[in-house]
Amino acid sequence: LLDVSAILPKLKRRPGISTWKVYDYDMVETPVFDEAAEAAKGKYKTLPGSVFPPSAAEAEAFHLDRCMRCVPHDETPPEDANARGQQPKGKKHGEEYLPFTEFKSIQSTYELDAGFEASQLFTRSDTGRTVNFVTSSVATELLPAMKALDMKVVYTGIKVFERHDVGIGESTYRLTQSGAHIALPHMNVRKLTVGNRDFQYFLDRRGDLLQFDDLSANLAAVFKAAPLGSYACTLTRDDGVALTIPEQLLLNLVVWRGRNTINVMAAKPDGFALTSTLKALGLYDDEFARETLAKFPKTDAKGDQNKATSNEEEEDEAAAAAAEDVDESTD
């Protein structure tokens, strides 16, 4: 190697290295190269001689002392480093959760009892499009403590309500499928009991706009007389067997009662989980499912294009379909 230190005298450099440690594939240090020992290790564990450092004589013969390492931050002048330290710090990622201020609207819509506290509802924007539910310990202790330490929350809680436009200048908060089990025990209105056949029909027709008369006569009459908005439908077994507590929390479907139709507000994974539960309990009627499929065949074109669609995106699509129903009726 030639000595080129005079070519770029202002280039800060560090001396190169000519010794280093070598470890074999079992992470055992190998101080010297032994050709016979390496050959005995087999094809895939052999270390070539080129990975070992040169001897002192080789390093001197090739003038390895003239090697140099250039590190980018060595070239930064001290004044630039000081200036960089004075620059404003970047904005922290995350969201500042804000207390939800429109609780009275939700409380009056669903007639929530006193056990459902407004202090446990938070939103991530002033517009309050989505409303998350957090436990009381998180609401009263963790979030205020993190705010005092200037820490931002990436995500917390479960989305329970979402604002939904129902007409020009009018909006309401619809119940989400993911948060139905949280709000349902505290709701006094907008909750219905649904028999096996209607519950299965909701699942089999998920993604479609359902006509009132497609349901059983009693349920159709209830929906025809009901005001527009979200409803939580809980399964009641036709055989009279009471649901267990876990089954009561799971076997619920949120539907949107539009002006002319009903739309199931559950995403595909939620629908699959509920269908699997019905089958496990022996409540799923395969013959009825075949009749429904023959009458209303499903097309997979949309599903093939959107296989990675998230639960929230599917719920948004269902909400958009419900909004279209409102718009068409208004027109």
C-alpha atoms as a PDB file:
ATOM      1  CA  LEU A   1       0.000   0.000   0.000  1.00  0.00           C
ATOM      2  CA  LEU A   2       1.208   3.506  -0.803  1.00  0.00           C
ATOM      3  CA  ASP A   3       1.238   6.389   1.656  1.00  0.00           C
ATOM      4  CA  VAL A   4      -1.394   8.868   0.393  1.00  0.00           C
ATOM      5  CA  SER A   5      -1.821  10.888   3.575  1.00  0.00           C
ATOM      6  CA  ALA A   6      -0.540  14.007   1.803  1.00  0.00           C
ATOM      7  CA  ILE A   7      -3.188  13.803  -0.958  1.00  0.00           C
ATOM      8  CA  LEU A   8      -6.110  14.844   1.291  1.00  0.00           C
ATOM      9  CA  PRO A   9      -4.494  16.401   4.354  1.00  0.00           C
ATOM     10  CA  LYS A  10      -7.809  17.722   5.738  1.00  0.00           C
ATOM     11  CA  LEU A  11      -9.512  14.336   5.585  1.00  0.00           C
ATOM     12  CA  LYS A  12      -9.768  13.024   9.119  1.00  0.00           C
ATOM     13  CA  ARG A  13      -8.936   9.362   9.282  1.00  0.00           C
ATOM     14  CA  ARG A  14      -8.390   6.612  11.774  1.00  0.00           C
ATOM     15  CA  PRO A  15      -5.694   3.928  11.511  1.00  0.00           C
ATOM     16  CA  GLY A  16      -6.714   0.617  10.007  1.00  0.00           C
ATOM     17  CA  ILE A  17      -6.670  -2.704  11.825  1.00  0.00           C
ATOM     18  CA  SER A  18      -4.585  -5.763  11.079  1.00  0.00           C
ATOM     19  CA  THR A  19      -5.726  -8.076  13.898  1.00  0.00           C
ATOM     20  CA  TRP A  20      -9.167  -9.368  14.829  1.00  0.00           C
ATOM     21  CA  LYS A  21     -10.824 -12.358  16.452  1.00  0.00           C
ATOM     22  CA  VAL A  22     -12.263 -15.201  14.399  1.00  0.00           C
ATOM     23  CA  TYR A  23     -15.122 -17.440  15.573  1.00  0.00           C
ATOM     24  CA  ASP A  24     -16.287 -20.679  13.968  1.00  0.00           C
ATOM     25  CA  TYR A  25     -19.908 -21.631  13.262  1.00  0.00           C
ATOM     26  CA  ASP A  26     -20.322 -22.831  16.867  1.00  0.00           C
ATOM     27  CA  MET A  27     -19.151 -19.414  18.135  1.00  0.00           C
ATOM     28  CA  VAL A  28     -15.867 -20.831  19.431  1.00  0.00           C
ATOM     29  CA  GLU A  29     -12.841 -18.555  19.040  1.00  0.00           C
ATOM     30  CA  THR A  30     -10.277 -19.896  16.561  1.00  0.00           C
ATOM     31  CA  PRO A  31      -6.937 -18.102  17.094  1.00  0.00           C
ATOM     32  CA  VAL A  32      -4.997 -19.571  14.123  1.00  0.00           C
ATOM     33  CA  PHE A  33      -5.849 -21.199  10.830  1.00  0.00           C
ATOM     34  CA  ASP A  34      -5.425 -24.986  10.857  1.00  0.00           C
ATOM     35  CA  GLU A  35      -6.117 -26.371   7.398  1.00  0.00           C
ATOM     36  CA  ALA A  36      -6.413 -30.006   8.537  1.00  0.00           C
ATOM     37  CA  ALA A  37      -8.769 -29.130  11.403  1.00  0.00           C
ATOM     38  CA  GLU A  38     -10.934 -27.004   9.142  1.00  0.00           C
ATOM     39  CA  ALA A  39     -11.166 -29.748   6.507  1.00  0.00           C
ATOM     40  CA  ALA A  40     -12.441 -32.180   9.160  1.00  0.00           C
ATOM     41  CA  LYS A  41     -15.375 -29.885  10.036  1.00  0.00           C
ATOM     42  CA  GLY A  42     -17.222 -30.616   6.828  1.00  0.00           C
ATOM     43  CA  LYS A  43     -18.253 -28.596   3.801  1.00  0.00           C
ATOM     44  CA  TYR A  44     -20.610 -26.146   5.492  1.00  0.00           C
ATOM     45  CA  LYS A  45     -18.602 -25.379   8.645  1.00  0.00           C
ATOM     46  CA  THR A  46     -15.162 -24.911   7.149  1.00  0.00           C
ATOM     47  CA  LEU A  47     -13.545 -21.504   7.669  1.00  0.00           C
ATOM     48  CA  PRO A  48     -11.405 -20.291   4.739  1.00  0.00           C
ATOM     49  CA  GLY A  49      -7.937 -19.007   5.499  1.00  0.00           C
ATOM     50  CA  SER A  50      -8.820 -15.575   4.140  1.00  0.00           C
ATOM     51  CA  VAL A  51     -10.962 -14.747   7.195  1.00  0.00           C
ATOM     52  CA  PHE A  52      -7.964 -14.906   9.535  1.00  0.00           C
ATOM     53  CA  PRO A  53      -5.802 -11.825  10.226  1.00  0.00           C
ATOM     54  CA  PRO A  54      -2.363 -11.607   8.573  1.00  0.00           C
ATOM     55  CA  SER A  55       0.816 -12.374  10.441  1.00  0.00           C
ATOM     56  CA  ALA A  56       3.010  -9.541  11.704  1.00  0.00           C
ATOM     57  CA  ALA A  57       5.473 -10.154   8.831  1.00  0.00           C
ATOM     58  CA  GLU A  58       2.664  -9.981   6.230  1.00  0.00           C
ATOM     59  CA  ALA A  59       1.266  -6.799   7.761  1.00  0.00           C
ATOM     60  CA  GLU A  60       4.710  -5.182   7.616  1.00  0.00           C
ATOM     61  CA  ALA A  61       5.451  -6.397   4.089  1.00  0.00           C
ATOM     62  CA  PHE A  62       2.202  -4.997   2.699  1.00  0.00           C
ATOM     63  CA  HIS A  63       2.323  -1.809   4.825  1.00  0.00           C
ATOM     64  CA  LEU A  64      -1.082  -2.452   6.334  1.00  0.00           C
ATOM     65  CA  ASP A  65      -0.363   0.362   8.767  1.00  0.00           C
ATOM     66  CA  ARG A  66      -1.181   2.692   5.857  1.00  0.00           C
ATOM     67  CA  CYS A  67      -4.801   1.494   5.807  1.00  0.00           C
ATOM     68  CA  MET A  68      -7.241   4.088   7.069  1.00  0.00           C
ATOM     69  CA  ARG A  69     -10.849   4.217   8.238  1.00  0.00           C
ATOM     70  CA  CYS A  70     -12.980   7.265   7.527  1.00  0.00           C
ATOM     71  CA  VAL A  71     -15.999   7.818   9.795  1.00  0.00           C
ATOM     72  CA  PRO A  72     -18.564  10.432   8.648  1.00  0.00           C
ATOM     73  CA  HIS A  73     -19.028  12.143  12.008  1.00  0.00           C
ATOM     74  CA  ASP A  74     -15.267  12.676  12.315  1.00  0.00           C
ATOM     75  CA  GLU A  75     -15.578  15.239   9.527  1.00  0.00           C
ATOM     76  CA  THR A  76     -18.216  17.333  11.351  1.00  0.00           C
ATOM     77  CA  PRO A  77     -16.687  20.532  12.788  1.00  0.00           C
ATOM     78  CA  PRO A  78     -17.440  21.269  16.458  1.00  0.00           C
ATOM     79  CA  GLU A  79     -19.435  24.392  15.560  1.00  0.00           C
ATOM     80  CA  ASP A  80     -21.746  22.319  13.326  1.00  0.00           C
ATOM     81  CA  ALA A  81     -22.299  19.847  16.148  1.00  0.00           C
ATOM     82  CA  ASN A  82     -23.237  22.682  18.502  1.00  0.00           C
ATOM     83  CA  ALA A  83     -25.641  24.135  15.946  1.00  0.00           C
ATOM     84  CA  ARG A  84     -27.227  20.738  15.472  1.00  0.00           C
ATOM     85  CA  GLY A  85     -27.767  20.484  19.220  1.00  0.00           C
ATOM     86  CA  GLN A  86     -29.678  23.771  19.210  1.00  0.00           C
ATOM     87  CA  GLN A  87     -32.160  22.677  16.552  1.00  0.00           C
ATOM     88  CA  PRO A  88     -35.765  22.087  17.712  1.00  0.00           C
ATOM     89  CA  LYS A  89     -36.582  18.498  18.515  1.00  0.00           C
ATOM     90  CA  GLY A  90     -38.852  16.563  16.197  1.00  0.00           C
ATOM     91  CA  LYS A  91     -42.474  16.033  17.084  1.00  0.00           C
ATOM     92  CA  LYS A  92     -43.170  12.847  18.967  1.00  0.00           C
ATOM     93  CA  HIS A  93     -45.290  10.264  17.242  1.00  0.00           C
ATOM     94  CA  GLY A  94     -48.525   9.186  18.811  1.00  0.00           C
ATOM     95  CA  GLU A  95     -51.857  10.710  19.658  1.00  0.00           C
ATOM     96  CA  GLU A  96     -53.102  12.796  22.531  1.00  0.00           C
ATOM     97  CA  TYR A  97     -56.362  11.262  23.677  1.00  0.00           C
ATOM     98  CA  LEU A  98     -59.026  13.860  24.439  1.00  0.00           C
ATOM     99  CA  PRO A  99     -62.012  13.425  26.755  1.00  0.00           C
ATOM    100  CA  PHE A 100     -65.206  12.818  24.812  1.00  0.00           C
ATOM    101  CA  THR A 101     -67.574  15.778  25.226  1.00  0.00           C
ATOM    102  CA  GLU A 102     -70.709  14.505  23.446  1.00  0.00           C
ATOM    103  CA  PHE A 103     -71.600  11.747  25.878  1.00  0.00           C
ATOM    104  CA  LYS A 104     -75.118  13.092  26.450  1.00  0.00           C
ATOM    105  CA  SER A 105     -75.950  12.444  22.803  1.00  0.00           C
ATOM    106  CA  ILE A 106     -74.924   8.793  23.091  1.00  0.00           C
ATOM    107  CA  GLN A 107     -76.541   8.416  26.503  1.00  0.00           C
ATOM    108  CA  SER A 108     -79.887   9.670  25.239  1.00  0.00           C
ATOM    109  CA  THR A 109     -79.726   7.531  22.077  1.00  0.00           C
ATOM    110  CA  TYR A 110     -79.043   4.253  23.887  1.00  0.00           C
ATOM    111  CA  GLU A 111     -80.365   5.244  27.359  1.00  0.00           C
ATOM    112  CA  LEU A 112     -77.155   4.128  29.034  1.00  0.00           C
ATOM    113  CA  ASP A 113     -77.347   3.552  32.782  1.00  0.00           C
ATOM    114  CA  ALA A 114     -75.136   5.182  35.416  1.00  0.00           C
ATOM    115  CA  GLY A 115     -72.676   2.292  35.331  1.00  0.00           C
ATOM    116  CA  PHE A 116     -71.372   3.448  31.961  1.00  0.00           C
ATOM    117  CA  GLU A 117     -69.180   6.444  32.854  1.00  0.00           C
ATOM    118  CA  ALA A 118     -68.427   9.281  30.461  1.00  0.00           C
ATOM    119  CA  SER A 119     -64.897   9.537  31.921  1.00  0.00           C
ATOM    120  CA  GLN A 120     -64.025   6.227  30.252  1.00  0.00           C
ATOM    121  CA  LEU A 121     -64.677   7.515  26.728  1.00  0.00           C
ATOM    122  CA  PHE A 122     -61.872   9.152  24.781  1.00  0.00           C
ATOM    123  CA  THR A 123     -61.358  10.361  21.236  1.00  0.00           C
ATOM    124  CA  ARG A 124     -58.240  11.168  19.216  1.00  0.00           C
ATOM    125  CA  SER A 125     -59.468  14.367  17.594  1.00  0.00           C
ATOM    126  CA  ASP A 126     -61.665  17.366  18.268  1.00  0.00           C
ATOM    127  CA  THR A 127     -64.167  16.069  15.722  1.00  0.00           C
ATOM    128  CA  GLY A 128     -64.763  12.920  17.783  1.00  0.00           C
ATOM    129  CA  ARG A 129     -65.375  10.640  14.811  1.00  0.00           C
ATOM    130  CA  THR A 130     -64.362   7.492  16.699  1.00  0.00           C
ATOM    131  CA  VAL A 131     -64.923   7.022  20.423  1.00  0.00           C
ATOM    132  CA  ASN A 132     -62.782   4.560  22.373  1.00  0.00           C
ATOM    133  CA  PHE A 133     -63.594   2.951  25.712  1.00  0.00           C
ATOM    134  CA  VAL A 134     -60.805   2.476  28.268  1.00  0.00           C
ATOM    135  CA  THR A 135     -60.847   0.965  31.745  1.00  0.00           C
ATOM    136  CA  SER A 136     -61.214   3.307  34.714  1.00  0.00           C
ATOM    137  CA  SER A 137     -57.609   2.733  35.833  1.00  0.00           C
ATOM    138  CA  VAL A 138     -56.297   3.797  32.425  1.00  0.00           C
ATOM    139  CA  ALA A 139     -58.634   6.801  32.288  1.00  0.00           C
ATOM    140  CA  THR A 140     -57.959   8.118  35.789  1.00  0.00           C
ATOM    141  CA  GLU A 141     -54.306   7.233  36.303  1.00  0.00           C
ATOM    142  CA  LEU A 142     -52.326   6.167  33.244  1.00  0.00           C
ATOM    143  CA  LEU A 143     -53.415   8.731  30.622  1.00  0.00           C
ATOM    144  CA  PRO A 144     -53.059  11.779  32.942  1.00  0.00           C
ATOM    145  CA  ALA A 145     -49.650  10.539  34.114  1.00  0.00           C
ATOM    146  CA  MET A 146     -48.434  10.081  30.534  1.00  0.00           C
ATOM    147  CA  LYS A 147     -49.694  13.549  29.594  1.00  0.00           C
ATOM    148  CA  ALA A 148     -47.776  15.047  32.533  1.00  0.00           C
ATOM    149  CA  LEU A 149     -44.616  13.343  31.251  1.00  0.00           C
ATOM    150  CA  ASP A 150     -45.255  14.636  27.698  1.00  0.00           C
ATOM    151  CA  MET A 151     -45.752  11.086  26.420  1.00  0.00           C
ATOM    152  CA  LYS A 152     -48.091  10.322  23.543  1.00  0.00           C
ATOM    153  CA  VAL A 153     -50.277   7.238  23.252  1.00  0.00           C
ATOM    154  CA  VAL A 154     -50.140   5.292  19.993  1.00  0.00           C
ATOM    155  CA  TYR A 155     -53.405   3.444  20.600  1.00  0.00           C
ATOM    156  CA  THR A 156     -55.510   2.477  23.574  1.00  0.00           C
ATOM    157  CA  GLY A 157     -58.941   1.144  24.360  1.00  0.00           C
ATOM    158  CA  ILE A 158     -61.625  -0.421  22.181  1.00  0.00           C
ATOM    159  CA  LYS A 159     -63.633   1.471  19.584  1.00  0.00           C
ATOM    160  CA  VAL A 160     -67.210   1.444  20.853  1.00  0.00           C
ATOM    161  CA  PHE A 161     -68.965   4.245  18.969  1.00  0.00           C
ATOM    162  CA  GLU A 162     -68.427   5.961  15.654  1.00  0.00           C
ATOM    163  CA  ARG A 163     -70.102   9.065  14.310  1.00  0.00           C
ATOM    164  CA  HIS A 164     -72.401   8.396  11.380  1.00  0.00           C
ATOM    165  CA  ASP A 165     -74.034  10.975   9.119  1.00  0.00           C
ATOM    166  CA  VAL A 166     -77.750  10.340   8.663  1.00  0.00           C
ATOM    167  CA  GLY A 167     -78.723  13.354   6.608  1.00  0.00           C
ATOM    168  CA  ILE A 168     -77.900  16.953   5.809  1.00  0.00           C
ATOM    169  CA  GLY A 169     -76.551  18.485   8.988  1.00  0.00           C
ATOM    170  CA  GLU A 170     -77.577  15.475  11.099  1.00  0.00           C
ATOM    171  CA  SER A 171     -75.409  12.780  12.639  1.00  0.00           C
ATOM    172  CA  THR A 172     -75.600  10.095  15.278  1.00  0.00           C
ATOM    173  CA  TYR A 173     -73.182   7.703  16.936  1.00  0.00           C
ATOM    174  CA  ARG A 174     -73.474   4.129  15.774  1.00  0.00           C
ATOM    175  CA  LEU A 175     -72.446   1.174  17.900  1.00  0.00           C
ATOM    176  CA  THR A 176     -69.487  -0.858  16.609  1.00  0.00           C
ATOM    177  CA  GLN A 177     -69.300  -4.637  16.514  1.00  0.00           C
ATOM    178  CA  SER A 178     -66.011  -4.623  18.446  1.00  0.00           C
ATOM    179  CA  GLY A 179     -67.516  -2.625  21.310  1.00  0.00           C
ATOM    180  CA  ALA A 180     -71.005  -4.132  21.464  1.00  0.00           C
ATOM    181  CA  HIS A 181     -70.165  -6.418  24.393  1.00  0.00           C
ATOM    182  CA  ILE A 182     -69.032  -3.373  26.413  1.00  0.00           C
ATOM    183  CA  ALA A 183     -72.053  -1.139  25.846  1.00  0.00           C
ATOM    184  CA  LEU A 184     -74.807  -3.774  25.650  1.00  0.00           C
ATOM    185  CA  PRO A 185     -75.075  -4.508  29.422  1.00  0.00           C
ATOM    186  CA  HIS A 186     -75.660  -0.777  30.035  1.00  0.00           C
ATOM    187  CA  MET A 187     -78.124  -0.175  27.168  1.00  0.00           C
ATOM    188  CA  ASN A 188     -81.844   0.062  27.894  1.00  0.00           C
ATOM    189  CA  VAL A 189     -83.030   0.585  24.312  1.00  0.00           C
ATOM    190  CA  ARG A 190     -81.918  -0.395  20.805  1.00  0.00           C
ATOM    191  CA  LYS A 191     -81.241  -3.981  21.819  1.00  0.00           C
ATOM    192  CA  LEU A 192     -83.205  -6.882  20.383  1.00  0.00           C
ATOM    193  CA  THR A 193     -83.387 -10.626  20.889  1.00  0.00           C
ATOM    194  CA  VAL A 194     -83.197 -12.586  17.651  1.00  0.00           C
ATOM    195  CA  GLY A 195     -84.007 -16.224  16.989  1.00  0.00           C
ATOM    196  CA  ASN A 196     -81.695 -18.777  15.389  1.00  0.00           C
ATOM    197  CA  ARG A 197     -83.011 -18.362  11.851  1.00  0.00           C
ATOM    198  CA  ASP A 198     -82.844 -14.550  11.781  1.00  0.00           C
ATOM    199  CA  PHE A 199     -79.426 -14.482  13.460  1.00  0.00           C
ATOM    200  CA  GLN A 200     -78.037 -16.947  10.914  1.00  0.00           C
ATOM    201  CA  TYR A 201     -79.694 -15.011   8.096  1.00  0.00           C
ATOM    202  CA  PHE A 202     -77.883 -11.846   9.213  1.00  0.00           C
ATOM    203  CA  LEU A 203     -74.567 -13.710   9.082  1.00  0.00           C
ATOM    204  CA  ASP A 204     -75.219 -15.397   5.741  1.00  0.00           C
ATOM    205  CA  ARG A 205     -76.290 -12.103   4.143  1.00  0.00           C
ATOM    206  CA  ARG A 206     -73.488 -10.023   5.708  1.00  0.00           C
ATOM    207  CA  GLY A 207     -72.456  -7.298   3.285  1.00  0.00           C
ATOM    208  CA  ASP A 208     -75.893  -7.066   1.625  1.00  0.00           C
ATOM    209  CA  LEU A 209     -78.695  -4.587   2.184  1.00  0.00           C
ATOM    210  CA  LEU A 210     -81.531  -6.628   3.687  1.00  0.00           C
ATOM    211  CA  GLN A 211     -85.212  -5.929   3.180  1.00  0.00           C
ATOM    212  CA  PHE A 212     -87.425  -5.889   6.280  1.00  0.00           C
ATOM    213  CA  ASP A 213     -89.709  -8.560   4.835  1.00  0.00           C
ATOM    214  CA  ASP A 214     -86.738 -10.939   4.431  1.00  0.00           C
ATOM    215  CA  LEU A 215     -86.838 -11.472   8.212  1.00  0.00           C
ATOM    216  CA  SER A 216     -89.374 -13.289  10.355  1.00  0.00           C
ATOM    217  CA  ALA A 217     -92.713 -11.510  10.697  1.00  0.00           C
ATOM    218  CA  ASN A 218     -92.183 -10.463  14.329  1.00  0.00           C
ATOM    219  CA  LEU A 219     -88.672  -9.088  13.778  1.00  0.00           C
ATOM    220  CA  ALA A 220     -89.689  -7.365  10.546  1.00  0.00           C
ATOM    221  CA  ALA A 221     -92.508  -5.604  12.392  1.00  0.00           C
ATOM    222  CA  VAL A 222     -90.094  -4.444  15.087  1.00  0.00           C
ATOM    223  CA  PHE A 223     -87.672  -2.975  12.564  1.00  0.00           C
ATOM    224  CA  LYS A 224     -90.428  -1.311  10.538  1.00  0.00           C
ATOM    225  CA  ALA A 225     -91.597   0.521  13.662  1.00  0.00           C
ATOM    226  CA  ALA A 226     -88.094   1.265  14.975  1.00  0.00           C
ATOM    227  CA  PRO A 227     -86.320   4.597  14.448  1.00  0.00           C
ATOM    228  CA  LEU A 228     -83.238   4.843  12.245  1.00  0.00           C
ATOM    229  CA  GLY A 229     -79.865   3.904  13.757  1.00  0.00           C
ATOM    230  CA  SER A 230     -77.820   1.116  15.353  1.00  0.00           C
ATOM    231  CA  TYR A 231     -79.272  -1.935  17.061  1.00  0.00           C
ATOM    232  CA  ALA A 232     -77.572  -4.728  18.981  1.00  0.00           C
ATOM    233  CA  CYS A 233     -79.150  -8.108  18.179  1.00  0.00           C
ATOM    234  CA  THR A 234     -78.552 -10.863  20.729  1.00  0.00           C
ATOM    235  CA  LEU A 235     -79.239 -14.504  19.912  1.00  0.00           C
ATOM    236  CA  THR A 236     -81.984 -16.255  21.839  1.00  0.00           C
ATOM    237  CA  ARG A 237     -82.043 -20.006  21.277  1.00  0.00           C
ATOM    238  CA  ASP A 238     -85.193 -21.485  19.779  1.00  0.00           C
ATOM    239  CA  ASP A 239     -84.907 -24.503  22.101  1.00  0.00           C
ATOM    240  CA  GLY A 240     -85.214 -22.247  25.169  1.00  0.00           C
ATOM    241  CA  VAL A 241     -81.745 -23.040  26.545  1.00  0.00           C
ATOM    242  CA  ALA A 242     -80.284 -19.965  28.216  1.00  0.00           C
ATOM    243  CA  LEU A 243     -76.967 -18.646  26.937  1.00  0.00           C
ATOM    244  CA  THR A 244     -73.967 -18.695  29.245  1.00  0.00           C
ATOM    245  CA  ILE A 245     -72.309 -15.393  30.192  1.00  0.00           C
ATOM    246  CA  PRO A 246     -69.491 -15.823  27.616  1.00  0.00           C
ATOM    247  CA  GLU A 247     -72.071 -16.731  24.948  1.00  0.00           C
ATOM    248  CA  GLN A 248     -74.115 -13.635  25.814  1.00  0.00           C
ATOM    249  CA  LEU A 249     -71.028 -11.450  25.341  1.00  0.00           C
ATOM    250  CA  LEU A 250     -70.105 -13.130  22.051  1.00  0.00           C
ATOM    251  CA  LEU A 251     -73.363 -13.887  20.241  1.00  0.00           C
ATOM    252  CA  ASN A 252     -74.286 -10.310  19.368  1.00  0.00           C
ATOM    253  CA  LEU A 253     -74.593  -8.605  16.003  1.00  0.00           C
ATOM    254  CA  VAL A 254     -74.721  -4.869  15.400  1.00  0.00           C
ATOM    255  CA  VAL A 255     -77.037  -3.877  12.556  1.00  0.00           C
ATOM    256  CA  TRP A 256     -77.940  -0.517  11.068  1.00  0.00           C
ATOM    257  CA  ARG A 257     -81.608   0.191  10.496  1.00  0.00           C
ATOM    258  CA  GLY A 258     -81.721   2.431   7.435  1.00  0.00           C
ATOM    259  CA  ARG A 259     -84.776   4.093   6.001  1.00  0.00           C
ATOM    260  CA  ASN A 260     -85.638   1.107   3.803  1.00  0.00           C
ATOM    261  CA  THR A 261     -83.117  -1.632   4.586  1.00  0.00           C
ATOM    262  CA  ILE A 262     -81.009  -3.285   7.275  1.00  0.00           C
ATOM    263  CA  ASN A 263     -77.228  -3.584   7.060  1.00  0.00           C
ATOM    264  CA  VAL A 264     -75.068  -5.883   9.215  1.00  0.00           C
ATOM    265  CA  MET A 265     -72.175  -3.826  10.619  1.00  0.00           C
ATOM    266  CA  ALA A 266     -69.796  -6.747  11.249  1.00  0.00           C
ATOM    267  CA  ALA A 267     -66.518  -7.296   9.427  1.00  0.00           C
ATOM    268  CA  LYS A 268     -65.734 -10.613   7.723  1.00  0.00           C
ATOM    269  CA  PRO A 269     -63.571 -12.041  10.571  1.00  0.00           C
ATOM    270  CA  ASP A 270     -66.318 -11.228  13.093  1.00  0.00           C
ATOM    271  CA  GLY A 271     -68.927 -12.891  10.894  1.00  0.00           C
ATOM    272  CA  PHE A 272     -66.733 -15.971  10.498  1.00  0.00           C
ATOM    273  CA  ALA A 273     -66.198 -16.200  14.277  1.00  0.00           C
ATOM    274  CA  LEU A 274     -69.923 -15.957  14.984  1.00  0.00           C
ATOM    275  CA  THR A 275     -70.768 -18.523  12.301  1.00  0.00           C
ATOM    276  CA  SER A 276     -68.171 -20.915  13.740  1.00  0.00           C
ATOM    277  CA  THR A 277     -69.667 -20.446  17.210  1.00  0.00           C
ATOM    278  CA  LEU A 278     -73.155 -21.275  15.938  1.00  0.00           C
ATOM    279  CA  LYS A 279     -71.812 -24.432  14.303  1.00  0.00           C
ATOM    280  CA  ALA A 280     -69.965 -25.433  17.484  1.00  0.00           C
ATOM    281  CA  LEU A 281     -73.189 -25.029  19.489  1.00  0.00           C
ATOM    282  CA  GLY A 282     -75.171 -27.014  16.919  1.00  0.00           C
ATOM    283  CA  LEU A 283     -77.349 -23.998  16.091  1.00  0.00           C
ATOM    284  CA  TYR A 284     -76.336 -23.544  12.453  1.00  0.00           C
ATOM    285  CA  ASP A 285     -78.813 -24.843   9.868  1.00  0.00           C
ATOM    286  CA  ASP A 286     -76.870 -26.005   6.799  1.00  0.00           C
ATOM    287  CA  GLU A 287     -80.009 -26.545   4.743  1.00  0.00           C
ATOM    288  CA  PHE A 288     -81.200 -22.997   5.428  1.00  0.00           C
ATOM    289  CA  ALA A 289     -77.737 -21.711   4.502  1.00  0.00           C
ATOM    290  CA  ARG A 290     -77.916 -23.517   1.136  1.00  0.00           C
ATOM    291  CA  GLU A 291     -81.359 -22.052   0.464  1.00  0.00           C
ATOM    292  CA  THR A 292     -80.105 -18.549   1.254  1.00  0.00           C
ATOM    293  CA  LEU A 293     -77.037 -18.980  -0.938  1.00  0.00           C
ATOM    294  CA  ALA A 294     -79.131 -20.269  -3.834  1.00  0.00           C
ATOM    295  CA  LYS A 295     -81.483 -17.316  -3.557  1.00  0.00           C
ATOM    296  CA  PHE A 296     -78.749 -14.712  -3.010  1.00  0.00           C
ATOM    297  CA  PRO A 297     -75.499 -16.042  -4.573  1.00  0.00           C
ATOM    298  CA  LYS A 298     -72.280 -14.451  -3.353  1.00  0.00           C
ATOM    299  CA  THR A 299     -69.666 -13.014  -5.715  1.00  0.00           C
ATOM    300  CA  ASP A 300     -66.011 -13.202  -4.646  1.00  0.00           C
ATOM    301  CA  ALA A 301     -64.639 -10.607  -7.070  1.00  0.00           C
ATOM    302  CA  LYS A 302     -64.630  -7.894  -4.466  1.00  0.00           C
ATOM    303  CA  GLY A 303     -63.173 -10.169  -1.816  1.00  0.00           C
ATOM    304  CA  ASP A 304     -60.334 -11.279  -4.093  1.00  0.00           C
ATOM    305  CA  GLN A 305     -59.308  -7.691  -4.674  1.00  0.00           C
ATOM    306  CA  ASN A 306     -59.388  -6.774  -0.983  1.00  0.00           C
ATOM    307  CA  LYS A 307     -58.157  -9.819   0.923  1.00  0.00           C
ATOM    308  CA  ALA A 308     -56.073  -7.637   3.233  1.00  0.00           C
ATOM    309  CA  THR A 309     -58.979  -5.393   4.256  1.00  0.00           C
ATOM    310  CA  SER A 310     -58.945  -4.752   8.001  1.00  0.00           C
ATOM    311  CA  ASN A 311     -61.909  -5.032  10.379  1.00  0.00           C
ATOM    312  CA  GLU A 312     -62.203  -1.245  10.646  1.00  0.00           C
ATOM    313  CA  GLU A 313     -62.139  -0.855   6.869  1.00  0.00           C
ATOM    314  CA  GLU A 314     -64.929  -3.436   6.462  1.00  0.00           C
ATOM    315  CA  GLU A 315     -67.018  -1.689   9.123  1.00  0.00           C
ATOM    316  CA  ASP A 316     -66.461   1.593   7.289  1.00  0.00           C
ATOM    317  CA  GLU A 317     -67.651  -0.040   4.063  1.00  0.00           C
ATOM    318  CA  ALA A 318     -70.781  -1.261   5.832  1.00  0.00           C
ATOM    319  CA  ALA A 319     -71.370   2.235   7.196  1.00  0.00           C
ATOM    320  CA  ALA A 320     -70.941   3.678   3.709  1.00  0.00           C
ATOM    321  CA  ALA A 321     -73.529   1.236   2.379  1.00  0.00           C
ATOM    322  CA  ALA A 322     -75.918   2.313   5.111  1.00  0.00           C
ATOM    323  CA  ALA A 323     -75.269   5.948   4.220  1.00  0.00           C
ATOM    324  CA  GLU A 324     -76.103   5.191   0.576  1.00  0.00           C
ATOM    325  CA  ASP A 325     -79.421   3.773   1.750  1.00  0.00           C
ATOM    326  CA  VAL A 326     -80.090   7.032   3.599  1.00  0.00           C
ATOM    327  CA  ASP A 327     -79.133   9.148   0.586  1.00  0.00           C
ATOM    328  CA  GLU A 328     -81.319   7.175  -1.809  1.00  0.00           C
ATOM    329  CA  SER A 329     -84.275   7.436   0.522  1.00  0.00           C
ATOM    330  CA  THR A 330     -83.741  11.165   0.974  1.00  0.00           C
ATOM    331  CA  ASP A 331     -83.664  11.651  -2.794  1.00  0.00           C
END
